[in-house]
Amino acid sequence: MALTTCVIVPTINNPKELSIVLDGLLTQNKKIDHIVVVGPKDDPGRLITESKNLRFIDDKGSRNRADACNVAIQETNSDIILFTDDDVIVPKNWSESIIKWYSMDSVAGVGGPNFAPVNESTFWQKVIDVTFCSTIFTSGTNYGNLGQNDLEETNQLPGVNSSYRRSVIEEAGGFDKGAIGAEDVMLDHRIRMNDNKLWTDKEAIIWHRRRNVSRVKKQIRNYGLVRSLASHKYPELRSPTHFLVALFPFIVIGSFLLFFWGINNGGVAWPDFWNISLSKIPMSFSRLNAHLLPTLILCYVILAWYGAWKGHSPSKSKLTIFFSPIVAYILHWNYGMGILSGWLRILRGNPGLQVDDRIRQ
């Protein structure tokens, strides 16, 4: 008996890009049985959806992606549920690459990597994509995880490119109510805790438009906030890397303070700053502090370059790799501040999951 399929696309005030998504889903090599869009009842995406003879589901006032998806899950009926967003470009082989694996009983969910569309991205969006796909600074994510084999087990599927058996979603209780930024992480965690396995297919690529730098700062800070709250709710999600990123703002501020203290206390051979000979300036605590900051910056830049170079982003070039340390710094600072904000909320006794801060229009 063939498995029935459905793809759920949450949307909010993005009709132009939504239309591109739906056109891509309608021309898949492997036909999807049901394509549904979920969003506010008066969203302009409703007209776009219905003009293509597709179903639009009222999200019943949901204020975040998790709640909207839960509404759509309840309003649909299929064996397999695929998820993507309203700002992607869907290759013709996407559904085919994913659905074929559900002939295996061991597959509870399948996803794939997502990259910025090279021909439709600004320079800085390409730099952001290269940084997202770094093998060092974002190695815990699935942005550009191609893997070595056709199908590899993974801990988490990106919400923009994921699919599950309906039975395992229902067994896990759906997405956590009110969550954004980590709703996919928490759902995948509960699915795996029920002894189910998640997989990634390197061929199941989604082209996902990146936000500009100013919006990425806000997005990443929110991710850090929600990830810390999610880790509080599910302690198993805690990771040493998240703790290290939380320390990043302190390391930066502390390094600058020690740098200026070292300079003011004879740690630099003015005006020849780069004269590091021991005969000119003896080894001392002030010398160590004066040269700590530039040393850390140099190491950070080299690691950022190496991670970007080893990543799989199709936007890789000498120029995008060169500028990737700037974006890496922005991501680490804002993610760290987000985590710290989450810890502060927990200390204040308000650990509830962050809700979406987008304005409904």
Protein backbone atom coordinates (compact mmCIF):
# COMPACT_ATOMS: atom_id res chain seq x y z
CA MET A 1 0.00 0.00 0.00
CA ALA A 2 1.48 3.37 -1.05
CA LEU A 3 2.10 5.92 1.69
CA THR A 4 0.18 9.18 1.36
CA THR A 5 2.13 12.43 1.60
CA CYS A 6 1.46 16.00 2.60
CA VAL A 7 3.71 19.08 2.72
CA ILE A 8 3.00 21.87 5.21
CA VAL A 9 4.20 25.40 4.45
CA PRO A 10 3.74 27.94 7.29
CA THR A 11 3.58 31.51 5.97
CA ILE A 12 3.17 35.07 7.10
CA ASN A 13 2.95 38.12 4.85
CA ASN A 14 5.25 36.77 2.15
CA PRO A 15 3.00 36.10 -0.89
CA LYS A 16 5.58 36.71 -3.62
CA GLU A 17 8.09 34.16 -2.37
CA LEU A 18 5.30 31.80 -1.28
CA SER A 19 4.13 31.66 -4.90
CA ILE A 20 7.59 30.48 -5.96
CA VAL A 21 7.54 27.79 -3.26
CA LEU A 22 4.15 26.47 -4.35
CA ASP A 23 5.14 26.40 -8.02
CA GLY A 24 8.14 24.31 -7.07
CA LEU A 25 6.04 21.90 -5.02
CA LEU A 26 3.51 21.52 -7.84
CA THR A 27 6.19 20.49 -10.34
CA GLN A 28 7.94 17.83 -8.28
CA ASN A 29 9.19 14.69 -10.01
CA LYS A 30 7.46 12.73 -7.25
CA LYS A 31 3.97 14.13 -6.83
CA ILE A 32 2.97 15.17 -3.31
CA ASP A 33 -0.61 14.13 -2.51
CA HIS A 34 -1.53 17.25 -0.54
CA ILE A 35 0.07 20.69 -0.43
CA VAL A 36 -1.23 22.95 2.34
CA VAL A 37 -0.31 26.43 3.50
CA VAL A 38 -1.00 27.56 7.06
CA GLY A 39 -1.10 31.18 8.17
CA PRO A 40 -3.30 34.02 9.46
CA LYS A 41 -6.78 33.89 7.94
CA ASP A 42 -6.37 37.33 6.32
CA ASP A 43 -2.83 36.74 5.10
CA PRO A 44 -2.23 37.68 1.40
CA GLY A 45 -0.80 34.20 0.98
CA ARG A 46 -4.36 32.83 1.09
CA LEU A 47 -5.21 34.30 -2.33
CA ILE A 48 -1.96 32.97 -3.80
CA THR A 49 -2.61 29.52 -2.39
CA GLU A 50 -6.22 29.27 -3.47
CA SER A 51 -5.43 30.65 -6.94
CA LYS A 52 -3.34 27.51 -7.44
CA ASN A 53 -6.23 25.30 -6.24
CA LEU A 54 -4.38 24.45 -3.03
CA ARG A 55 -5.64 24.41 0.52
CA PHE A 56 -5.04 27.31 2.91
CA ILE A 57 -5.47 26.56 6.62
CA ASP A 58 -6.28 29.29 9.15
CA ASP A 59 -3.62 29.10 11.87
CA LYS A 60 -6.23 30.09 14.48
CA GLY A 61 -4.26 33.05 15.76
CA SER A 62 -0.96 31.22 16.20
CA ARG A 63 1.92 33.53 17.11
CA ASN A 64 4.72 31.22 16.08
CA ARG A 65 5.74 28.52 13.62
CA ALA A 66 5.34 25.65 16.08
CA ASP A 67 1.70 26.41 16.88
CA ALA A 68 0.83 27.02 13.23
CA CYS A 69 2.36 23.69 12.23
CA ASN A 70 0.46 21.91 15.00
CA VAL A 71 -2.79 23.34 13.65
CA ALA A 72 -1.94 22.11 10.14
CA ILE A 73 -0.98 18.67 11.42
CA GLN A 74 -4.37 18.34 13.10
CA GLU A 75 -6.19 19.56 10.00
CA THR A 76 -4.51 17.09 7.62
CA ASN A 77 -4.36 13.34 7.23
CA SER A 78 -1.41 11.66 5.57
CA ASP A 79 1.13 8.98 6.38
CA ILE A 80 4.15 11.22 5.74
CA ILE A 81 4.37 14.94 6.53
CA LEU A 82 6.98 17.15 4.88
CA PHE A 83 7.83 20.66 6.13
CA THR A 84 9.41 23.65 4.46
CA ASP A 85 9.17 27.45 4.66
CA ASP A 86 7.65 30.18 2.52
CA ASP A 87 11.02 31.63 1.41
CA VAL A 88 12.65 28.67 -0.34
CA ILE A 89 13.22 27.41 -3.85
CA VAL A 90 12.28 23.75 -4.16
CA PRO A 91 14.26 21.58 -6.61
CA LYS A 92 12.21 19.15 -8.69
CA ASN A 93 13.78 16.11 -7.02
CA TRP A 94 13.20 17.22 -3.42
CA SER A 95 10.15 15.12 -2.53
CA GLU A 96 11.47 12.15 -4.48
CA SER A 97 14.76 12.23 -2.59
CA ILE A 98 12.92 12.22 0.74
CA ILE A 99 9.89 9.99 0.21
CA LYS A 100 11.82 7.03 -1.22
CA TRP A 101 13.42 6.32 2.15
CA TYR A 102 10.12 5.64 3.90
CA SER A 103 10.08 2.15 2.43
CA MET A 104 12.50 1.39 5.28
CA ASP A 105 10.82 0.78 8.64
CA SER A 106 13.85 2.23 10.47
CA VAL A 107 13.21 5.68 9.00
CA ALA A 108 11.12 7.89 11.29
CA GLY A 109 12.15 11.15 9.65
CA VAL A 110 14.28 12.39 6.77
CA GLY A 111 15.69 15.80 5.93
CA GLY A 112 18.50 17.38 4.01
CA PRO A 113 20.81 20.38 3.78
CA ASN A 114 19.78 23.89 2.86
CA PHE A 115 21.87 26.49 1.06
CA ALA A 116 21.36 30.07 -0.11
CA PRO A 117 20.41 30.25 -3.81
CA VAL A 118 23.61 31.47 -5.44
CA ASN A 119 22.01 33.44 -8.26
CA GLU A 120 19.44 35.16 -6.04
CA SER A 121 21.57 36.14 -3.07
CA THR A 122 23.37 39.36 -2.26
CA PHE A 123 27.06 39.30 -1.48
CA TRP A 124 26.47 39.39 2.27
CA GLN A 125 23.80 36.70 2.07
CA LYS A 126 26.42 34.53 0.38
CA VAL A 127 28.91 35.31 3.13
CA ILE A 128 26.26 34.39 5.71
CA ASP A 129 25.64 31.09 3.93
CA VAL A 130 29.36 30.31 3.81
CA THR A 131 29.59 31.04 7.55
CA PHE A 132 26.46 29.00 8.37
CA CYS A 133 28.04 26.03 6.58
CA SER A 134 31.37 26.29 8.41
CA THR A 135 32.70 22.91 9.53
CA ILE A 136 34.05 24.45 12.74
CA PHE A 137 31.90 27.29 14.06
CA THR A 138 28.51 25.78 13.12
CA SER A 139 29.44 22.11 13.08
CA GLY A 140 26.49 21.22 15.29
CA THR A 141 23.92 22.38 12.75
CA ASN A 142 22.56 20.82 9.57
CA TYR A 143 22.73 23.90 7.35
CA GLY A 144 25.29 22.42 4.99
CA ASN A 145 25.73 18.89 6.29
CA LEU A 146 26.16 16.72 3.20
CA GLY A 147 27.62 13.69 4.96
CA GLN A 148 29.55 10.88 3.34
CA ASN A 149 26.76 8.47 2.41
CA ASP A 150 23.42 8.71 0.61
CA LEU A 151 21.59 8.36 3.92
CA GLU A 152 23.12 9.10 7.31
CA GLU A 153 21.63 9.07 10.79
CA THR A 154 21.44 12.48 12.43
CA ASN A 155 20.32 14.03 15.71
CA GLN A 156 18.32 16.86 14.22
CA LEU A 157 16.53 17.86 11.02
CA PRO A 158 16.30 21.53 9.95
CA GLY A 159 12.69 22.70 10.05
CA VAL A 160 12.98 24.17 6.56
CA ASN A 161 13.82 20.76 5.08
CA SER A 162 12.32 17.93 7.09
CA SER A 163 9.78 15.14 6.98
CA TYR A 164 8.35 12.62 9.45
CA ARG A 165 5.95 9.74 9.71
CA ARG A 166 2.74 11.15 11.12
CA SER A 167 2.72 8.39 13.71
CA VAL A 168 6.02 9.50 15.27
CA ILE A 169 4.91 13.16 15.38
CA GLU A 170 1.70 12.17 17.14
CA GLU A 171 3.61 9.87 19.49
CA ALA A 172 5.91 12.78 20.40
CA GLY A 173 2.97 15.14 20.93
CA GLY A 174 3.75 17.52 18.06
CA PHE A 175 5.79 20.70 18.33
CA ASP A 176 6.25 22.36 21.72
CA LYS A 177 3.59 25.01 22.11
CA GLY A 178 4.86 28.57 21.79
CA ALA A 179 8.32 27.66 20.54
CA ILE A 180 10.26 29.33 17.76
CA GLY A 181 13.90 28.92 16.86
CA ALA A 182 14.24 25.54 18.53
CA GLU A 183 10.89 23.93 17.78
CA ASP A 184 12.55 21.49 15.37
CA VAL A 185 15.31 20.68 17.88
CA MET A 186 12.85 19.84 20.65
CA LEU A 187 10.55 17.80 18.43
CA ASP A 188 13.48 15.80 17.08
CA HIS A 189 14.75 15.22 20.61
CA ARG A 190 11.43 13.78 21.76
CA ILE A 191 11.15 11.65 18.62
CA ARG A 192 14.59 10.16 19.24
CA MET A 193 13.81 9.62 22.93
CA ASN A 194 11.00 7.33 21.71
CA ASP A 195 13.66 5.11 20.09
CA ASN A 196 13.06 6.44 16.59
CA LYS A 197 15.83 7.28 14.11
CA LEU A 198 16.21 10.42 12.02
CA TRP A 199 18.18 10.55 8.78
CA THR A 200 19.61 13.06 6.34
CA ASP A 201 19.93 12.69 2.58
CA LYS A 202 22.62 14.85 0.98
CA GLU A 203 20.67 14.94 -2.29
CA ALA A 204 17.51 16.38 -0.69
CA ILE A 205 18.66 19.99 -0.96
CA ILE A 206 16.43 23.02 -0.37
CA TRP A 207 17.52 26.47 -1.53
CA HIS A 208 16.78 28.76 1.41
CA ARG A 209 17.06 32.53 1.12
CA ARG A 210 19.23 33.96 3.87
CA ARG A 211 18.28 37.09 5.72
CA ASN A 212 20.41 40.23 5.56
CA VAL A 213 22.96 40.96 8.27
CA SER A 214 20.69 43.10 10.45
CA ARG A 215 17.92 40.49 10.43
CA VAL A 216 20.37 37.64 11.00
CA LYS A 217 21.60 39.37 14.16
CA LYS A 218 18.06 39.39 15.54
CA GLN A 219 17.37 35.85 14.31
CA ILE A 220 20.49 34.38 15.86
CA ARG A 221 20.02 36.16 19.17
CA ASN A 222 16.50 34.73 19.34
CA TYR A 223 17.90 31.27 18.52
CA GLY A 224 20.35 31.54 21.40
CA LEU A 225 17.59 32.64 23.75
CA VAL A 226 15.26 29.83 22.78
CA ARG A 227 18.02 27.22 22.74
CA SER A 228 18.90 28.03 26.35
CA LEU A 229 15.23 27.82 27.32
CA ALA A 230 14.87 24.54 25.43
CA SER A 231 17.92 23.13 27.21
CA HIS A 232 16.35 24.11 30.51
CA LYS A 233 13.19 22.20 29.60
CA TYR A 234 15.16 19.27 28.16
CA PRO A 235 18.52 19.04 29.99
CA GLU A 236 19.70 16.40 27.51
CA LEU A 237 20.00 19.16 24.90
CA ARG A 238 22.71 20.95 26.86
CA SER A 239 26.01 21.10 25.03
CA PRO A 240 29.50 22.32 26.01
CA THR A 241 29.64 24.31 22.77
CA HIS A 242 26.60 26.38 23.78
CA PHE A 243 28.27 27.14 27.11
CA LEU A 244 31.40 28.28 25.28
CA VAL A 245 29.39 30.55 22.98
CA ALA A 246 27.69 32.03 26.05
CA LEU A 247 31.17 32.96 27.29
CA PHE A 248 32.07 34.62 23.98
CA PRO A 249 30.84 38.15 24.91
CA PHE A 250 32.77 37.94 28.20
CA ILE A 251 35.91 36.79 26.39
CA VAL A 252 35.65 39.67 23.91
CA ILE A 253 35.03 42.32 26.57
CA GLY A 254 37.66 40.89 28.89
CA SER A 255 40.26 40.72 26.11
CA PHE A 256 39.72 44.38 25.23
CA LEU A 257 39.98 45.46 28.87
CA LEU A 258 43.20 43.49 29.38
CA PHE A 259 44.54 44.85 26.08
CA PHE A 260 44.14 48.48 27.15
CA TRP A 261 45.44 47.72 30.63
CA GLY A 262 48.52 46.09 29.14
CA ILE A 263 49.14 49.05 26.84
CA ASN A 264 48.85 51.53 29.70
CA ASN A 265 51.29 49.52 31.80
CA GLY A 266 54.19 49.23 29.39
CA GLY A 267 53.21 46.07 27.56
CA VAL A 268 53.85 47.59 24.11
CA ALA A 269 56.98 49.13 22.60
CA TRP A 270 55.42 52.39 21.40
CA PRO A 271 55.37 53.49 18.66
CA ASP A 272 56.55 50.14 17.30
CA PHE A 273 53.52 48.09 18.36
CA TRP A 274 54.61 44.96 16.53
CA ASN A 275 58.08 44.87 18.05
CA ILE A 276 57.77 41.72 20.14
CA SER A 277 61.45 41.18 20.86
CA LEU A 278 62.19 40.34 24.47
CA SER A 279 65.13 42.72 24.40
CA LYS A 280 62.77 45.64 23.77
CA ILE A 281 59.90 44.61 26.05
CA PRO A 282 60.66 41.88 28.63
CA MET A 283 58.09 39.16 29.20
CA SER A 284 55.66 40.41 31.77
CA PHE A 285 51.99 40.28 32.72
CA SER A 286 51.36 43.61 31.01
CA ARG A 287 53.09 42.39 27.82
CA LEU A 288 51.02 39.20 27.78
CA ASN A 289 47.79 41.15 28.15
CA ALA A 290 48.73 43.70 25.51
CA HIS A 291 49.34 41.00 22.92
CA LEU A 292 46.54 38.64 23.98
CA LEU A 293 43.81 40.44 21.99
CA PRO A 294 45.59 40.55 18.60
CA THR A 295 46.68 36.95 19.08
CA LEU A 296 43.10 35.83 19.78
CA ILE A 297 41.83 37.81 16.79
CA LEU A 298 44.40 36.21 14.51
CA CYS A 299 43.56 32.69 15.72
CA TYR A 300 39.82 33.39 15.40
CA VAL A 301 40.17 34.67 11.83
CA ILE A 302 42.30 31.69 10.79
CA LEU A 303 39.77 29.24 12.27
CA ALA A 304 36.89 31.08 10.57
CA TRP A 305 38.68 30.96 7.23
CA TYR A 306 39.48 27.28 7.60
CA GLY A 307 35.92 26.34 8.62
CA ALA A 308 34.44 28.33 5.74
CA TRP A 309 36.88 26.81 3.27
CA LYS A 310 36.06 23.28 4.43
CA GLY A 311 32.30 23.89 4.38
CA HIS A 312 30.00 22.86 1.55
CA SER A 313 28.30 26.14 0.72
CA PRO A 314 27.95 26.62 -3.07
CA SER A 315 28.59 30.33 -2.42
CA LYS A 316 32.21 29.66 -1.48
CA SER A 317 34.71 31.98 -3.15
CA LYS A 318 37.92 33.68 -2.11
CA LEU A 319 35.97 36.82 -1.30
CA THR A 320 33.11 35.24 0.68
CA ILE A 321 35.58 33.14 2.67
CA PHE A 322 37.71 36.23 3.32
CA PHE A 323 34.78 38.13 4.85
CA SER A 324 33.34 35.13 6.75
CA PRO A 325 35.13 35.99 10.06
CA ILE A 326 33.06 39.20 10.27
CA VAL A 327 29.79 37.27 10.04
CA ALA A 328 31.13 34.56 12.37
CA TYR A 329 31.83 37.21 15.00
CA ILE A 330 28.33 38.69 14.59
CA LEU A 331 26.77 35.23 14.94
CA HIS A 332 28.80 34.26 18.00
CA TRP A 333 28.23 37.57 19.78
CA ASN A 334 24.46 37.56 19.23
CA TYR A 335 24.00 33.85 19.87
CA GLY A 336 25.97 34.24 23.09
CA MET A 337 23.91 37.25 24.17
CA GLY A 338 20.77 35.28 23.39
CA ILE A 339 21.89 32.40 25.60
CA LEU A 340 22.73 34.81 28.41
CA SER A 341 19.27 36.41 28.06
CA GLY A 342 17.74 32.96 28.37
CA TRP A 343 19.75 32.18 31.50
CA LEU A 344 18.63 35.49 32.99
CA ARG A 345 15.00 34.65 32.26
CA ILE A 346 15.43 31.29 33.95
CA LEU A 347 17.02 32.90 37.02
CA ARG A 348 14.08 35.30 37.19
CA GLY A 349 11.65 32.38 37.16
CA ASN A 350 10.35 32.95 33.63
CA PRO A 351 11.64 29.97 31.61
CA GLY A 352 8.66 29.73 29.26
CA LEU A 353 9.51 29.30 25.59
CA GLN A 354 9.98 32.48 23.56
CA VAL A 355 7.19 33.31 21.13
CA ASP A 356 7.60 34.71 17.65
CA ASP A 357 8.18 38.47 17.63
CA ARG A 358 7.06 39.08 14.04
CA ILE A 359 4.34 41.68 13.54
CA ARG A 360 1.15 40.38 11.99
CA GLN A 361 -0.15 42.59 9.19
